[in-house]
Amino acid sequence: MTGGPALIELDEATLVARARDRDPGSFELLVRRYQRRIYTLCLRMLDGASGEAEDLTQETFVTAWRRLPEIQNDAAFGGWLYRTATNKCLTVLQRRRPTVDLDDQHPATDDDPARTAGTTAAMDALSQALRQLPPQQRACWLLREVHGRSYQEIADLVGTTPTAVRGRIARARAELAEVMKPWR
């Protein structure tokens, strides 16, 4: 990696500017900063299909590398990545019906088998409920509840208004709350 340890301390806008000038070390750091978050978003949007999530995460970063010259605001790179990944996931979801079960990767947090079983069952129910949400609702809910994005950011990411985002999230929350009643 070019630039050494000092490169790691650079802010996002500087890294984006350097990556736009085709500095691979700067782009590598951007990938490292965002890869896990983008993968997690894709994984959850794609019903836990880890292979597809990995592919779309990689496609998102390949697209970012190719389209870096088009990014007008270097500090907005993260939002641009989220929008790109969200759009790629929505395209995949529009082409298929969810059919893949989520991986059973819920770590046990307790030595009590009954509690662990209940937690696993609750997580399975939540995963199943998320799969049943329409893709746009799922995207809005995940971006808000899991990734902590603002209503305006989500609206920008999915191409709608903050009011529509609030409505989608409210409907998603209502549906999820109904499914999760037994685990309260």
Protein backbone atom coordinates (compact mmCIF):
# COMPACT_ATOMS: atom_id res chain seq x y z
CA MET A 1 0.00 0.00 0.00
CA THR A 2 1.38 3.39 -0.91
CA GLY A 3 1.69 6.16 1.61
CA GLY A 4 2.27 4.03 4.73
CA PRO A 5 0.68 4.60 8.15
CA ALA A 6 -0.01 8.32 7.56
CA LEU A 7 -2.50 7.36 4.84
CA ILE A 8 -4.68 5.55 7.39
CA GLU A 9 -5.21 8.81 9.31
CA LEU A 10 -6.52 10.77 6.33
CA ASP A 11 -10.14 11.84 6.27
CA GLU A 12 -12.60 10.34 3.81
CA ALA A 13 -12.68 13.32 1.44
CA THR A 14 -8.89 13.26 1.08
CA LEU A 15 -8.88 9.50 0.47
CA VAL A 16 -11.61 9.88 -2.18
CA ALA A 17 -9.67 12.66 -3.90
CA ARG A 18 -6.51 10.53 -3.93
CA ALA A 19 -8.42 7.47 -5.10
CA ARG A 20 -9.92 9.55 -7.91
CA ASP A 21 -6.32 10.25 -8.94
CA ARG A 22 -5.98 6.45 -9.10
CA ASP A 23 -4.05 5.93 -5.86
CA PRO A 24 -4.82 2.25 -5.10
CA GLY A 25 -3.73 2.55 -1.45
CA SER A 26 -6.31 5.25 -0.79
CA PHE A 27 -9.06 3.25 -2.45
CA GLU A 28 -8.05 0.15 -0.48
CA LEU A 29 -8.51 2.11 2.75
CA LEU A 30 -11.95 3.26 1.61
CA VAL A 31 -12.87 -0.35 0.88
CA ARG A 32 -11.64 -1.42 4.32
CA ARG A 33 -13.67 1.33 6.00
CA TYR A 34 -16.91 0.42 4.25
CA GLN A 35 -16.68 -3.23 3.21
CA ARG A 36 -18.23 -4.77 6.33
CA ARG A 37 -21.08 -2.23 6.46
CA ILE A 38 -21.92 -2.62 2.78
CA TYR A 39 -21.71 -6.42 3.01
CA THR A 40 -24.03 -6.43 6.06
CA LEU A 41 -26.54 -4.23 4.24
CA CYS A 42 -26.46 -6.50 1.18
CA LEU A 43 -26.68 -9.65 3.29
CA ARG A 44 -29.77 -8.44 5.12
CA MET A 45 -31.45 -7.05 2.04
CA LEU A 46 -30.83 -10.29 0.15
CA ASP A 47 -32.39 -12.55 2.78
CA GLY A 48 -29.07 -13.79 4.11
CA ALA A 49 -27.78 -15.05 0.77
CA SER A 50 -24.09 -14.68 1.62
CA GLY A 51 -22.79 -15.51 -1.85
CA GLU A 52 -24.99 -12.90 -3.49
CA ALA A 53 -24.14 -10.38 -0.78
CA GLU A 54 -20.43 -10.91 -1.37
CA ASP A 55 -20.91 -10.54 -5.12
CA LEU A 56 -22.93 -7.34 -4.79
CA THR A 57 -20.49 -5.90 -2.27
CA GLN A 58 -17.68 -6.52 -4.73
CA GLU A 59 -19.75 -5.08 -7.59
CA THR A 60 -20.44 -1.99 -5.49
CA PHE A 61 -16.73 -1.34 -4.98
CA VAL A 62 -15.89 -2.09 -8.62
CA THR A 63 -18.57 0.44 -9.61
CA ALA A 64 -17.13 2.92 -7.11
CA TRP A 65 -13.64 2.56 -8.60
CA ARG A 66 -14.94 3.06 -12.11
CA ARG A 67 -17.23 5.98 -11.23
CA LEU A 68 -14.97 7.87 -8.80
CA PRO A 69 -14.47 10.71 -11.33
CA GLU A 70 -18.26 11.29 -11.32
CA ILE A 71 -18.54 11.82 -7.55
CA GLN A 72 -18.96 15.56 -7.03
CA ASN A 73 -18.72 15.74 -3.23
CA ASP A 74 -15.81 13.72 -1.87
CA ALA A 75 -17.26 13.76 1.65
CA ALA A 76 -20.47 12.10 0.38
CA PHE A 77 -18.69 8.93 -0.74
CA GLY A 78 -20.23 6.78 2.03
CA GLY A 79 -23.76 7.79 1.14
CA TRP A 80 -23.03 7.18 -2.52
CA LEU A 81 -21.79 3.66 -1.67
CA TYR A 82 -24.94 2.91 0.36
CA ARG A 83 -27.15 4.16 -2.49
CA THR A 84 -25.24 2.06 -5.04
CA ALA A 85 -25.42 -1.10 -2.90
CA THR A 86 -29.11 -0.53 -2.08
CA ASN A 87 -29.98 -0.08 -5.74
CA LYS A 88 -28.05 -3.21 -6.72
CA CYS A 89 -29.87 -5.21 -4.03
CA LEU A 90 -33.28 -3.86 -5.04
CA THR A 91 -32.57 -4.84 -8.65
CA VAL A 92 -31.74 -8.40 -7.58
CA LEU A 93 -34.85 -8.59 -5.37
CA GLN A 94 -37.09 -7.37 -8.16
CA ARG A 95 -35.83 -10.21 -10.34
CA ARG A 96 -36.59 -12.97 -7.87
CA ARG A 97 -38.77 -14.06 -5.01
CA PRO A 98 -36.97 -14.74 -1.72
CA THR A 99 -36.24 -18.45 -1.49
CA VAL A 100 -32.97 -18.72 0.45
CA ASP A 101 -32.99 -19.41 4.19
CA LEU A 102 -30.74 -17.31 6.37
CA ASP A 103 -27.60 -18.96 7.65
CA ASP A 104 -27.97 -20.09 11.23
CA GLN A 105 -25.15 -17.95 12.54
CA HIS A 106 -26.71 -16.63 15.74
CA PRO A 107 -24.03 -16.89 18.42
CA ALA A 108 -25.14 -18.24 21.76
CA THR A 109 -25.01 -15.46 24.33
CA ASP A 110 -26.01 -17.53 27.32
CA ASP A 111 -25.25 -20.89 28.88
CA ASP A 112 -28.97 -21.45 29.45
CA PRO A 113 -30.14 -23.72 26.58
CA ALA A 114 -33.77 -22.61 26.92
CA ARG A 115 -32.83 -18.93 26.69
CA THR A 116 -30.47 -19.60 23.79
CA ALA A 117 -33.21 -21.52 21.97
CA GLY A 118 -35.67 -18.69 22.58
CA THR A 119 -33.19 -16.10 21.29
CA THR A 120 -32.47 -18.19 18.23
CA ALA A 121 -36.18 -18.66 17.58
CA ALA A 122 -36.77 -14.92 17.95
CA MET A 123 -33.93 -14.11 15.53
CA ASP A 124 -35.28 -16.68 13.07
CA ALA A 125 -38.75 -15.13 13.35
CA LEU A 126 -37.31 -11.65 12.78
CA SER A 127 -35.32 -12.87 9.78
CA GLN A 128 -38.42 -14.53 8.35
CA ALA A 129 -40.48 -11.39 8.93
CA LEU A 130 -37.84 -9.26 7.21
CA ARG A 131 -37.95 -11.58 4.20
CA GLN A 132 -41.70 -11.04 3.96
CA LEU A 133 -41.44 -7.24 3.82
CA PRO A 134 -41.58 -5.63 0.39
CA PRO A 135 -38.02 -4.80 -0.77
CA GLN A 136 -38.47 -1.02 -0.43
CA GLN A 137 -39.78 -1.36 3.14
CA ARG A 138 -36.98 -3.77 4.03
CA ALA A 139 -34.37 -1.40 2.59
CA CYS A 140 -35.75 1.58 4.53
CA TRP A 141 -36.04 -0.38 7.79
CA LEU A 142 -32.51 -1.82 7.51
CA LEU A 143 -30.96 1.52 6.59
CA ARG A 144 -32.66 3.18 9.58
CA GLU A 145 -32.61 0.52 12.30
CA VAL A 146 -29.41 -1.34 11.49
CA HIS A 147 -27.27 1.27 9.75
CA GLY A 148 -28.54 4.35 11.61
CA ARG A 149 -29.19 6.49 8.53
CA SER A 150 -31.40 9.58 8.78
CA TYR A 151 -34.78 9.77 7.02
CA GLN A 152 -33.34 12.29 4.55
CA GLU A 153 -30.32 10.06 3.80
CA ILE A 154 -32.60 7.07 3.25
CA ALA A 155 -34.85 9.12 0.99
CA ASP A 156 -31.83 10.14 -1.05
CA LEU A 157 -30.57 6.55 -1.15
CA VAL A 158 -33.82 4.99 -2.35
CA GLY A 159 -35.02 7.91 -4.47
CA THR A 160 -38.11 9.05 -2.58
CA THR A 161 -39.18 11.62 0.02
CA PRO A 162 -38.51 11.56 3.76
CA THR A 163 -42.27 11.34 4.31
CA ALA A 164 -42.48 8.20 2.16
CA VAL A 165 -39.51 6.75 4.05
CA ARG A 166 -41.23 7.39 7.39
CA GLY A 167 -44.34 5.64 6.09
CA ARG A 168 -42.41 2.63 4.85
CA ILE A 169 -40.53 2.33 8.12
CA ALA A 170 -43.75 2.70 10.13
CA ARG A 171 -45.42 -0.08 8.12
CA ALA A 172 -42.33 -2.28 8.47
CA ARG A 173 -42.19 -1.67 12.22
CA ALA A 174 -45.88 -2.49 12.58
CA GLU A 175 -45.52 -5.74 10.65
CA LEU A 176 -42.38 -6.73 12.52
CA ALA A 177 -43.93 -5.87 15.90
CA GLU A 178 -46.90 -8.09 15.12
CA VAL A 179 -44.67 -11.03 14.21
CA MET A 180 -42.45 -10.49 17.26
CA LYS A 181 -45.29 -10.32 19.84
CA PRO A 182 -44.58 -13.83 21.21
CA TRP A 183 -41.01 -12.79 22.10
CA ARG A 184 -41.87 -9.71 24.18
